[in-house]
Amino acid sequence: MTDLLEYLSSPFVLRALIGVFLIAINAALSGVFASFRSLTFLVSGASHAALAGAALIIVLEAYGLVHLGNPVLGGAVFAVALALLAGGASFRSSDRAADPAIGVGFAFSMALAVLLISLIPESATRVWGVLIGDLLLLSNQDLLILGSLTGLVVLLFGVLRREFLFITFDMDGARAFGIQAGVYNYILFALIGLSAAILMKGVGAIVVFAMLVSPGAAALLIGSTVNAVVAWAFGIAFASGLIGIVLSYYIDFSVSALAAIISAASYFIAKGVIWVQSRGKKADG
């Protein structure tokens, strides 16, 4: 136990815990609203767009054209761009109409990422780090960037919470009330894309979907109010990351993979609990 406490108090683990906290915030906000709007495919598309953006920054740095020092910023630009493209398609027709735009953007981003990676074989380790991520390798600079971007997400969700809820559950009503539904729709989509880019640095583009979407999907099965769903999503995401970090002390597995598996499993656990409860009620009846 003493060794475990020493491990948990080490600087790199403390940075990982802060990263998990930031991830949980994004899951509780962007992830939940993505589930509310049935836009989980957007998370997957945005995370792979972020990978292409990060790869572009790494290529430009390899050729001495830019010196950002952190590919997350390029990833954020690409992820938000894809989200805005999907947001335009969604608002003009319906959320379902955004799927083709997301799918094409997803395919283009992956093709671009592969092309860019082929240009910099000597920097493959950096790209690999963005692809699979590692919470235990987060630096102070990473946390500063992730914290700043997460702060922006929290600020906008806090200020525009009512508008986001309105357009999420009653888009036609929002339009009828004269609310600038299109603007708020674009902002909401952009925040979901931004959160995908934020998570990419911590857990990698491959498992962003599991960490951003699964907690919200599980929380929707448990929570009875919006606040309860948000709280449950935060708790599930944070617990998944924390358990993943603790398990990594005992078994030599990727923290990101462990956290993602636990997060995804939470949905099936919630479904199982609900099924057992429904069977029990039928038996009592």
C-alpha atoms as a PDB file:
ATOM      1  CA  MET A   1       0.000   0.000   0.000  1.00  0.00           C
ATOM      2  CA  THR A   2       2.851   2.385   0.813  1.00  0.00           C
ATOM      3  CA  ASP A   3       4.408   1.746  -2.591  1.00  0.00           C
ATOM      4  CA  LEU A   4       1.090   2.428  -4.291  1.00  0.00           C
ATOM      5  CA  LEU A   5       0.692   5.724  -2.428  1.00  0.00           C
ATOM      6  CA  GLU A   6       4.206   6.718  -3.437  1.00  0.00           C
ATOM      7  CA  TYR A   7       3.340   5.862  -7.039  1.00  0.00           C
ATOM      8  CA  LEU A   8       0.129   7.907  -6.934  1.00  0.00           C
ATOM      9  CA  SER A   9       1.973  10.878  -5.442  1.00  0.00           C
ATOM     10  CA  SER A  10       4.734  10.876  -8.058  1.00  0.00           C
ATOM     11  CA  PRO A  11       4.765  13.939 -10.367  1.00  0.00           C
ATOM     12  CA  PHE A  12       3.914  12.089 -13.570  1.00  0.00           C
ATOM     13  CA  VAL A  13       0.933  10.342 -11.945  1.00  0.00           C
ATOM     14  CA  LEU A  14      -0.315  13.601 -10.438  1.00  0.00           C
ATOM     15  CA  ARG A  15      -0.189  15.139 -13.910  1.00  0.00           C
ATOM     16  CA  ALA A  16      -2.114  12.122 -15.199  1.00  0.00           C
ATOM     17  CA  LEU A  17      -4.768  12.626 -12.502  1.00  0.00           C
ATOM     18  CA  ILE A  18      -5.160  16.252 -13.529  1.00  0.00           C
ATOM     19  CA  GLY A  19      -5.497  15.053 -17.119  1.00  0.00           C
ATOM     20  CA  VAL A  20      -8.209  12.598 -16.075  1.00  0.00           C
ATOM     21  CA  PHE A  21     -10.036  15.407 -14.267  1.00  0.00           C
ATOM     22  CA  LEU A  22      -9.976  17.536 -17.427  1.00  0.00           C
ATOM     23  CA  ILE A  23     -11.123  14.583 -19.530  1.00  0.00           C
ATOM     24  CA  ALA A  24     -14.020  13.973 -17.136  1.00  0.00           C
ATOM     25  CA  ILE A  25     -15.144  17.592 -17.460  1.00  0.00           C
ATOM     26  CA  ASN A  26     -15.250  17.322 -21.245  1.00  0.00           C
ATOM     27  CA  ALA A  27     -17.098  14.001 -21.039  1.00  0.00           C
ATOM     28  CA  ALA A  28     -19.652  15.542 -18.678  1.00  0.00           C
ATOM     29  CA  LEU A  29     -20.326  18.483 -21.004  1.00  0.00           C
ATOM     30  CA  SER A  30     -19.529  17.809 -24.662  1.00  0.00           C
ATOM     31  CA  GLY A  31     -19.943  14.050 -24.320  1.00  0.00           C
ATOM     32  CA  VAL A  32     -23.355  14.328 -22.700  1.00  0.00           C
ATOM     33  CA  PHE A  33     -24.672  16.793 -25.269  1.00  0.00           C
ATOM     34  CA  ALA A  34     -23.306  14.618 -28.074  1.00  0.00           C
ATOM     35  CA  SER A  35     -25.414  11.802 -26.621  1.00  0.00           C
ATOM     36  CA  PHE A  36     -28.434  14.078 -26.206  1.00  0.00           C
ATOM     37  CA  ARG A  37     -28.222  15.016 -29.882  1.00  0.00           C
ATOM     38  CA  SER A  38     -27.292  11.495 -31.076  1.00  0.00           C
ATOM     39  CA  LEU A  39     -24.070  12.949 -32.468  1.00  0.00           C
ATOM     40  CA  THR A  40     -21.666  10.322 -31.192  1.00  0.00           C
ATOM     41  CA  PHE A  41     -20.363   9.778 -34.746  1.00  0.00           C
ATOM     42  CA  LEU A  42     -19.221  13.410 -34.668  1.00  0.00           C
ATOM     43  CA  VAL A  43     -16.850  12.577 -31.810  1.00  0.00           C
ATOM     44  CA  SER A  44     -15.213   9.842 -33.857  1.00  0.00           C
ATOM     45  CA  GLY A  45     -14.923  12.061 -36.925  1.00  0.00           C
ATOM     46  CA  ALA A  46     -13.567  15.003 -34.935  1.00  0.00           C
ATOM     47  CA  SER A  47     -10.950  12.878 -33.167  1.00  0.00           C
ATOM     48  CA  HIS A  48      -9.587  11.621 -36.491  1.00  0.00           C
ATOM     49  CA  ALA A  49      -9.693  15.115 -37.942  1.00  0.00           C
ATOM     50  CA  ALA A  50      -7.668  16.176 -34.903  1.00  0.00           C
ATOM     51  CA  LEU A  51      -5.143  13.447 -35.731  1.00  0.00           C
ATOM     52  CA  ALA A  52      -4.735  14.893 -39.238  1.00  0.00           C
ATOM     53  CA  GLY A  53      -4.290  18.384 -37.815  1.00  0.00           C
ATOM     54  CA  ALA A  54      -1.716  17.181 -35.310  1.00  0.00           C
ATOM     55  CA  ALA A  55       0.164  15.310 -38.056  1.00  0.00           C
ATOM     56  CA  LEU A  56       0.217  18.484 -40.165  1.00  0.00           C
ATOM     57  CA  ILE A  57       1.773  20.465 -37.310  1.00  0.00           C
ATOM     58  CA  ILE A  58       4.402  17.748 -36.787  1.00  0.00           C
ATOM     59  CA  VAL A  59       5.246  17.800 -40.516  1.00  0.00           C
ATOM     60  CA  LEU A  60       5.536  21.598 -40.569  1.00  0.00           C
ATOM     61  CA  GLU A  61       7.765  21.511 -37.492  1.00  0.00           C
ATOM     62  CA  ALA A  62       9.929  18.791 -39.058  1.00  0.00           C
ATOM     63  CA  TYR A  63      10.503  21.070 -42.056  1.00  0.00           C
ATOM     64  CA  GLY A  64      11.137  24.072 -39.817  1.00  0.00           C
ATOM     65  CA  LEU A  65       8.084  26.006 -41.000  1.00  0.00           C
ATOM     66  CA  VAL A  66       6.341  26.411 -37.636  1.00  0.00           C
ATOM     67  CA  HIS A  67       7.347  25.992 -34.014  1.00  0.00           C
ATOM     68  CA  LEU A  68       4.140  25.551 -32.001  1.00  0.00           C
ATOM     69  CA  GLY A  69       5.677  22.870 -29.805  1.00  0.00           C
ATOM     70  CA  ASN A  70       2.365  21.090 -29.284  1.00  0.00           C
ATOM     71  CA  PRO A  71       0.334  19.398 -32.040  1.00  0.00           C
ATOM     72  CA  VAL A  72      -2.902  19.650 -30.036  1.00  0.00           C
ATOM     73  CA  LEU A  73      -3.455  23.162 -31.357  1.00  0.00           C
ATOM     74  CA  GLY A  74      -3.428  21.963 -34.963  1.00  0.00           C
ATOM     75  CA  GLY A  75      -5.663  19.090 -33.970  1.00  0.00           C
ATOM     76  CA  ALA A  76      -8.126  21.501 -32.368  1.00  0.00           C
ATOM     77  CA  VAL A  77      -8.374  23.582 -35.556  1.00  0.00           C
ATOM     78  CA  PHE A  78      -9.095  20.538 -37.732  1.00  0.00           C
ATOM     79  CA  ALA A  79     -11.562  19.019 -35.250  1.00  0.00           C
ATOM     80  CA  VAL A  80     -13.512  22.257 -34.901  1.00  0.00           C
ATOM     81  CA  ALA A  81     -13.532  22.728 -38.690  1.00  0.00           C
ATOM     82  CA  LEU A  82     -15.082  19.296 -39.199  1.00  0.00           C
ATOM     83  CA  ALA A  83     -17.582  19.952 -36.423  1.00  0.00           C
ATOM     84  CA  LEU A  84     -18.634  23.253 -38.011  1.00  0.00           C
ATOM     85  CA  LEU A  85     -19.088  21.514 -41.369  1.00  0.00           C
ATOM     86  CA  ALA A  86     -21.351  18.967 -39.691  1.00  0.00           C
ATOM     87  CA  GLY A  87     -23.133  21.714 -37.769  1.00  0.00           C
ATOM     88  CA  GLY A  88     -24.066  23.477 -40.998  1.00  0.00           C
ATOM     89  CA  ALA A  89     -25.499  20.289 -42.480  1.00  0.00           C
ATOM     90  CA  SER A  90     -27.358  19.562 -39.249  1.00  0.00           C
ATOM     91  CA  PHE A  91     -29.004  22.954 -38.955  1.00  0.00           C
ATOM     92  CA  ARG A  92     -30.117  23.138 -42.581  1.00  0.00           C
ATOM     93  CA  SER A  93     -31.861  19.776 -42.398  1.00  0.00           C
ATOM     94  CA  SER A  94     -31.546  17.540 -39.321  1.00  0.00           C
ATOM     95  CA  ASP A  95     -28.906  15.965 -37.098  1.00  0.00           C
ATOM     96  CA  ARG A  96     -29.133  12.834 -39.216  1.00  0.00           C
ATOM     97  CA  ALA A  97     -28.163  14.888 -42.285  1.00  0.00           C
ATOM     98  CA  ALA A  98     -24.829  15.655 -40.608  1.00  0.00           C
ATOM     99  CA  ASP A  99     -23.694  12.030 -40.921  1.00  0.00           C
ATOM    100  CA  PRO A 100     -22.605  12.244 -44.583  1.00  0.00           C
ATOM    101  CA  ALA A 101     -20.586  15.400 -43.882  1.00  0.00           C
ATOM    102  CA  ILE A 102     -18.967  13.758 -40.874  1.00  0.00           C
ATOM    103  CA  GLY A 103     -18.267  10.574 -42.817  1.00  0.00           C
ATOM    104  CA  VAL A 104     -16.625  12.398 -45.727  1.00  0.00           C
ATOM    105  CA  GLY A 105     -14.627  14.557 -43.323  1.00  0.00           C
ATOM    106  CA  PHE A 106     -13.594  11.438 -41.408  1.00  0.00           C
ATOM    107  CA  ALA A 107     -12.373   9.728 -44.596  1.00  0.00           C
ATOM    108  CA  PHE A 108     -10.555  12.824 -45.846  1.00  0.00           C
ATOM    109  CA  SER A 109      -8.872  13.374 -42.471  1.00  0.00           C
ATOM    110  CA  MET A 110      -7.657   9.781 -42.217  1.00  0.00           C
ATOM    111  CA  ALA A 111      -6.297   9.852 -45.772  1.00  0.00           C
ATOM    112  CA  LEU A 112      -4.559  13.158 -45.067  1.00  0.00           C
ATOM    113  CA  ALA A 113      -3.130  11.833 -41.804  1.00  0.00           C
ATOM    114  CA  VAL A 114      -1.681   8.757 -43.532  1.00  0.00           C
ATOM    115  CA  LEU A 115      -0.202  10.950 -46.269  1.00  0.00           C
ATOM    116  CA  LEU A 116       1.386  13.333 -43.792  1.00  0.00           C
ATOM    117  CA  ILE A 117       2.753  10.538 -41.622  1.00  0.00           C
ATOM    118  CA  SER A 118       4.455   9.040 -44.684  1.00  0.00           C
ATOM    119  CA  LEU A 119       6.331  12.309 -45.149  1.00  0.00           C
ATOM    120  CA  ILE A 120       7.956  12.195 -41.709  1.00  0.00           C
ATOM    121  CA  PRO A 121       9.023   8.615 -40.888  1.00  0.00           C
ATOM    122  CA  GLU A 122      11.671  10.058 -38.560  1.00  0.00           C
ATOM    123  CA  SER A 123       8.900  11.646 -36.454  1.00  0.00           C
ATOM    124  CA  ALA A 124       6.738   8.547 -36.337  1.00  0.00           C
ATOM    125  CA  THR A 125       7.061   8.297 -32.554  1.00  0.00           C
ATOM    126  CA  ARG A 126       5.430  11.711 -32.095  1.00  0.00           C
ATOM    127  CA  VAL A 127       2.546  10.769 -34.360  1.00  0.00           C
ATOM    128  CA  TRP A 128       2.231   7.411 -32.611  1.00  0.00           C
ATOM    129  CA  GLY A 129       2.006   9.231 -29.305  1.00  0.00           C
ATOM    130  CA  VAL A 130      -0.906  11.302 -30.617  1.00  0.00           C
ATOM    131  CA  LEU A 131      -2.571   8.198 -32.034  1.00  0.00           C
ATOM    132  CA  ILE A 132      -2.542   6.055 -28.899  1.00  0.00           C
ATOM    133  CA  GLY A 133      -1.820   8.660 -26.199  1.00  0.00           C
ATOM    134  CA  ASP A 134      -0.415   8.139 -22.719  1.00  0.00           C
ATOM    135  CA  LEU A 135      -1.772   9.898 -19.665  1.00  0.00           C
ATOM    136  CA  LEU A 136       1.437   9.193 -17.765  1.00  0.00           C
ATOM    137  CA  LEU A 137       3.484  11.191 -20.286  1.00  0.00           C
ATOM    138  CA  LEU A 138       1.566  14.453 -19.991  1.00  0.00           C
ATOM    139  CA  SER A 139       3.870  17.411 -19.429  1.00  0.00           C
ATOM    140  CA  ASN A 140       3.200  20.666 -17.597  1.00  0.00           C
ATOM    141  CA  GLN A 141       2.871  22.396 -20.980  1.00  0.00           C
ATOM    142  CA  ASP A 142       0.315  19.786 -22.077  1.00  0.00           C
ATOM    143  CA  LEU A 143      -1.745  20.397 -18.953  1.00  0.00           C
ATOM    144  CA  LEU A 144      -1.575  24.151 -19.459  1.00  0.00           C
ATOM    145  CA  ILE A 145      -2.942  23.841 -22.992  1.00  0.00           C
ATOM    146  CA  LEU A 146      -5.526  21.199 -22.091  1.00  0.00           C
ATOM    147  CA  GLY A 147      -6.586  23.184 -19.035  1.00  0.00           C
ATOM    148  CA  SER A 148      -6.973  26.395 -21.034  1.00  0.00           C
ATOM    149  CA  LEU A 149      -9.047  24.709 -23.742  1.00  0.00           C
ATOM    150  CA  THR A 150     -11.173  22.907 -21.155  1.00  0.00           C
ATOM    151  CA  GLY A 151     -11.694  26.223 -19.377  1.00  0.00           C
ATOM    152  CA  LEU A 152     -13.071  27.632 -22.621  1.00  0.00           C
ATOM    153  CA  VAL A 153     -15.427  24.654 -22.923  1.00  0.00           C
ATOM    154  CA  VAL A 154     -16.654  25.127 -19.336  1.00  0.00           C
ATOM    155  CA  LEU A 155     -17.110  28.879 -19.821  1.00  0.00           C
ATOM    156  CA  LEU A 156     -19.203  28.541 -22.962  1.00  0.00           C
ATOM    157  CA  PHE A 157     -21.312  25.712 -21.586  1.00  0.00           C
ATOM    158  CA  GLY A 158     -21.873  27.720 -18.429  1.00  0.00           C
ATOM    159  CA  VAL A 159     -22.918  30.872 -20.267  1.00  0.00           C
ATOM    160  CA  LEU A 160     -24.945  29.190 -23.019  1.00  0.00           C
ATOM    161  CA  ARG A 161     -26.366  26.215 -21.104  1.00  0.00           C
ATOM    162  CA  ARG A 162     -30.021  27.233 -21.507  1.00  0.00           C
ATOM    163  CA  GLU A 163     -29.638  27.932 -25.214  1.00  0.00           C
ATOM    164  CA  PHE A 164     -27.877  24.599 -25.764  1.00  0.00           C
ATOM    165  CA  LEU A 165     -30.654  22.756 -23.945  1.00  0.00           C
ATOM    166  CA  PHE A 166     -33.304  24.599 -25.921  1.00  0.00           C
ATOM    167  CA  ILE A 167     -31.862  23.770 -29.348  1.00  0.00           C
ATOM    168  CA  THR A 168     -31.057  20.223 -28.239  1.00  0.00           C
ATOM    169  CA  PHE A 169     -34.563  19.270 -27.156  1.00  0.00           C
ATOM    170  CA  ASP A 170     -36.693  21.667 -29.215  1.00  0.00           C
ATOM    171  CA  MET A 171     -34.939  23.165 -32.233  1.00  0.00           C
ATOM    172  CA  ASP A 172     -38.188  24.239 -33.885  1.00  0.00           C
ATOM    173  CA  GLY A 173     -39.347  25.877 -30.676  1.00  0.00           C
ATOM    174  CA  ALA A 174     -36.055  27.744 -30.372  1.00  0.00           C
ATOM    175  CA  ARG A 175     -36.474  29.080 -33.899  1.00  0.00           C
ATOM    176  CA  ALA A 176     -40.063  30.097 -33.145  1.00  0.00           C
ATOM    177  CA  PHE A 177     -38.931  32.041 -30.080  1.00  0.00           C
ATOM    178  CA  GLY A 178     -36.507  34.017 -32.235  1.00  0.00           C
ATOM    179  CA  ILE A 179     -33.405  32.485 -30.670  1.00  0.00           C
ATOM    180  CA  GLN A 180     -30.383  32.472 -32.981  1.00  0.00           C
ATOM    181  CA  ALA A 181     -30.517  28.694 -33.107  1.00  0.00           C
ATOM    182  CA  GLY A 182     -28.044  28.455 -35.979  1.00  0.00           C
ATOM    183  CA  VAL A 183     -25.335  30.306 -34.083  1.00  0.00           C
ATOM    184  CA  TYR A 184     -25.775  28.243 -30.938  1.00  0.00           C
ATOM    185  CA  ASN A 185     -25.878  25.058 -33.008  1.00  0.00           C
ATOM    186  CA  TYR A 186     -22.512  25.920 -34.559  1.00  0.00           C
ATOM    187  CA  ILE A 187     -21.020  26.729 -31.156  1.00  0.00           C
ATOM    188  CA  LEU A 188     -22.255  23.447 -29.660  1.00  0.00           C
ATOM    189  CA  PHE A 189     -20.830  21.417 -32.528  1.00  0.00           C
ATOM    190  CA  ALA A 190     -17.543  23.313 -32.288  1.00  0.00           C
ATOM    191  CA  LEU A 191     -17.283  22.555 -28.563  1.00  0.00           C
ATOM    192  CA  ILE A 192     -17.841  18.844 -29.171  1.00  0.00           C
ATOM    193  CA  GLY A 193     -15.064  18.915 -31.770  1.00  0.00           C
ATOM    194  CA  LEU A 194     -12.791  20.866 -29.444  1.00  0.00           C
ATOM    195  CA  SER A 195     -13.327  18.359 -26.636  1.00  0.00           C
ATOM    196  CA  ALA A 196     -12.374  15.519 -28.986  1.00  0.00           C
ATOM    197  CA  ALA A 197      -9.085  17.301 -29.700  1.00  0.00           C
ATOM    198  CA  ILE A 198      -8.492  17.878 -25.991  1.00  0.00           C
ATOM    199  CA  LEU A 199      -8.904  14.199 -25.194  1.00  0.00           C
ATOM    200  CA  MET A 200      -6.653  13.173 -28.107  1.00  0.00           C
ATOM    201  CA  LYS A 201      -3.529  14.358 -26.311  1.00  0.00           C
ATOM    202  CA  GLY A 202      -4.324  12.455 -23.135  1.00  0.00           C
ATOM    203  CA  VAL A 203      -5.760   9.170 -24.357  1.00  0.00           C
ATOM    204  CA  GLY A 204      -4.962   9.150 -28.076  1.00  0.00           C
ATOM    205  CA  ALA A 205      -7.189   9.525 -31.127  1.00  0.00           C
ATOM    206  CA  ILE A 206      -8.092   5.834 -31.152  1.00  0.00           C
ATOM    207  CA  VAL A 207      -9.897   5.786 -27.798  1.00  0.00           C
ATOM    208  CA  VAL A 208     -11.272   9.336 -27.677  1.00  0.00           C
ATOM    209  CA  PHE A 209     -14.678   7.943 -28.632  1.00  0.00           C
ATOM    210  CA  ALA A 210     -14.756   5.599 -25.640  1.00  0.00           C
ATOM    211  CA  MET A 211     -13.727   8.230 -23.101  1.00  0.00           C
ATOM    212  CA  LEU A 212     -15.888  11.070 -24.430  1.00  0.00           C
ATOM    213  CA  VAL A 213     -19.063   9.210 -25.417  1.00  0.00           C
ATOM    214  CA  SER A 214     -19.351   6.152 -23.151  1.00  0.00           C
ATOM    215  CA  PRO A 215     -19.710   8.043 -19.826  1.00  0.00           C
ATOM    216  CA  GLY A 216     -22.514  10.175 -21.241  1.00  0.00           C
ATOM    217  CA  ALA A 217     -24.261   7.194 -22.818  1.00  0.00           C
ATOM    218  CA  ALA A 218     -24.120   5.300 -19.520  1.00  0.00           C
ATOM    219  CA  ALA A 219     -25.236   8.378 -17.578  1.00  0.00           C
ATOM    220  CA  LEU A 220     -28.306   8.731 -19.801  1.00  0.00           C
ATOM    221  CA  LEU A 221     -29.412   5.308 -18.609  1.00  0.00           C
ATOM    222  CA  ILE A 222     -28.965   6.243 -14.952  1.00  0.00           C
ATOM    223  CA  GLY A 223     -29.726   9.933 -14.516  1.00  0.00           C
ATOM    224  CA  SER A 224     -33.283  11.242 -14.487  1.00  0.00           C
ATOM    225  CA  THR A 225     -32.436  14.936 -14.952  1.00  0.00           C
ATOM    226  CA  VAL A 226     -29.911  16.854 -17.028  1.00  0.00           C
ATOM    227  CA  ASN A 227     -27.857  17.752 -13.948  1.00  0.00           C
ATOM    228  CA  ALA A 228     -27.858  14.139 -12.795  1.00  0.00           C
ATOM    229  CA  VAL A 229     -26.708  12.921 -16.220  1.00  0.00           C
ATOM    230  CA  VAL A 230     -23.867  15.449 -16.247  1.00  0.00           C
ATOM    231  CA  ALA A 231     -22.802  14.455 -12.720  1.00  0.00           C
ATOM    232  CA  TRP A 232     -22.926  10.740 -13.507  1.00  0.00           C
ATOM    233  CA  ALA A 233     -20.937  11.233 -16.721  1.00  0.00           C
ATOM    234  CA  PHE A 234     -18.233  13.135 -14.848  1.00  0.00           C
ATOM    235  CA  GLY A 235     -18.066  10.491 -12.130  1.00  0.00           C
ATOM    236  CA  ILE A 236     -17.879   7.597 -14.593  1.00  0.00           C
ATOM    237  CA  ALA A 237     -15.177   9.250 -16.699  1.00  0.00           C
ATOM    238  CA  PHE A 238     -13.084  10.240 -13.680  1.00  0.00           C
ATOM    239  CA  ALA A 239     -13.463   6.845 -12.011  1.00  0.00           C
ATOM    240  CA  SER A 240     -12.482   5.094 -15.255  1.00  0.00           C
ATOM    241  CA  GLY A 241      -9.287   7.113 -15.511  1.00  0.00           C
ATOM    242  CA  LEU A 242      -8.462   6.723 -11.824  1.00  0.00           C
ATOM    243  CA  ILE A 243      -8.983   2.960 -11.867  1.00  0.00           C
ATOM    244  CA  GLY A 244      -6.910   2.745 -15.043  1.00  0.00           C
ATOM    245  CA  ILE A 245      -4.031   4.562 -13.357  1.00  0.00           C
ATOM    246  CA  VAL A 246      -4.194   2.309 -10.275  1.00  0.00           C
ATOM    247  CA  LEU A 247      -4.386  -0.865 -12.380  1.00  0.00           C
ATOM    248  CA  SER A 248      -1.366   0.248 -14.408  1.00  0.00           C
ATOM    249  CA  TYR A 249       0.668   0.024 -11.206  1.00  0.00           C
ATOM    250  CA  TYR A 250      -0.055  -3.690 -10.948  1.00  0.00           C
ATOM    251  CA  ILE A 251      -0.173  -4.664 -14.610  1.00  0.00           C
ATOM    252  CA  ASP A 252       1.962  -3.287 -17.400  1.00  0.00           C
ATOM    253  CA  PHE A 253      -0.899  -2.127 -19.622  1.00  0.00           C
ATOM    254  CA  SER A 254      -1.633   1.218 -21.254  1.00  0.00           C
ATOM    255  CA  VAL A 255      -3.467   3.538 -18.880  1.00  0.00           C
ATOM    256  CA  SER A 256      -5.462   4.983 -21.771  1.00  0.00           C
ATOM    257  CA  ALA A 257      -6.573   1.543 -22.924  1.00  0.00           C
ATOM    258  CA  LEU A 258      -7.549   0.470 -19.418  1.00  0.00           C
ATOM    259  CA  ALA A 259      -9.502   3.673 -18.819  1.00  0.00           C
ATOM    260  CA  ALA A 260     -11.275   3.348 -22.170  1.00  0.00           C
ATOM    261  CA  ILE A 261     -12.223  -0.282 -21.533  1.00  0.00           C
ATOM    262  CA  ILE A 262     -13.623   0.572 -18.107  1.00  0.00           C
ATOM    263  CA  SER A 263     -15.485   3.584 -19.505  1.00  0.00           C
ATOM    264  CA  ALA A 264     -17.054   1.540 -22.307  1.00  0.00           C
ATOM    265  CA  ALA A 265     -17.883  -1.270 -19.888  1.00  0.00           C
ATOM    266  CA  SER A 266     -19.832   1.199 -17.735  1.00  0.00           C
ATOM    267  CA  TYR A 267     -22.465   1.437 -20.457  1.00  0.00           C
ATOM    268  CA  PHE A 268     -22.978  -2.323 -20.597  1.00  0.00           C
ATOM    269  CA  ILE A 269     -23.008  -2.510 -16.802  1.00  0.00           C
ATOM    270  CA  ALA A 270     -25.717   0.165 -16.682  1.00  0.00           C
ATOM    271  CA  LYS A 271     -27.717  -1.703 -19.331  1.00  0.00           C
ATOM    272  CA  GLY A 272     -27.330  -4.914 -17.350  1.00  0.00           C
ATOM    273  CA  VAL A 273     -28.503  -3.310 -14.120  1.00  0.00           C
ATOM    274  CA  ILE A 274     -31.554  -1.873 -15.858  1.00  0.00           C
ATOM    275  CA  TRP A 275     -32.354  -5.257 -17.414  1.00  0.00           C
ATOM    276  CA  VAL A 276     -32.116  -7.000 -14.022  1.00  0.00           C
ATOM    277  CA  GLN A 277     -34.335  -4.355 -12.435  1.00  0.00           C
ATOM    278  CA  SER A 278     -36.932  -4.685 -15.200  1.00  0.00           C
ATOM    279  CA  ARG A 279     -36.944  -8.467 -14.817  1.00  0.00           C
ATOM    280  CA  GLY A 280     -37.410  -8.074 -11.085  1.00  0.00           C
ATOM    281  CA  LYS A 281     -40.385  -5.750 -11.571  1.00  0.00           C
ATOM    282  CA  LYS A 282     -41.987  -8.181 -13.994  1.00  0.00           C
ATOM    283  CA  ALA A 283     -41.517 -11.011 -11.508  1.00  0.00           C
ATOM    284  CA  ASP A 284     -43.078  -8.954  -8.716  1.00  0.00           C
ATOM    285  CA  GLY A 285     -45.959  -8.006 -10.964  1.00  0.00           C
END
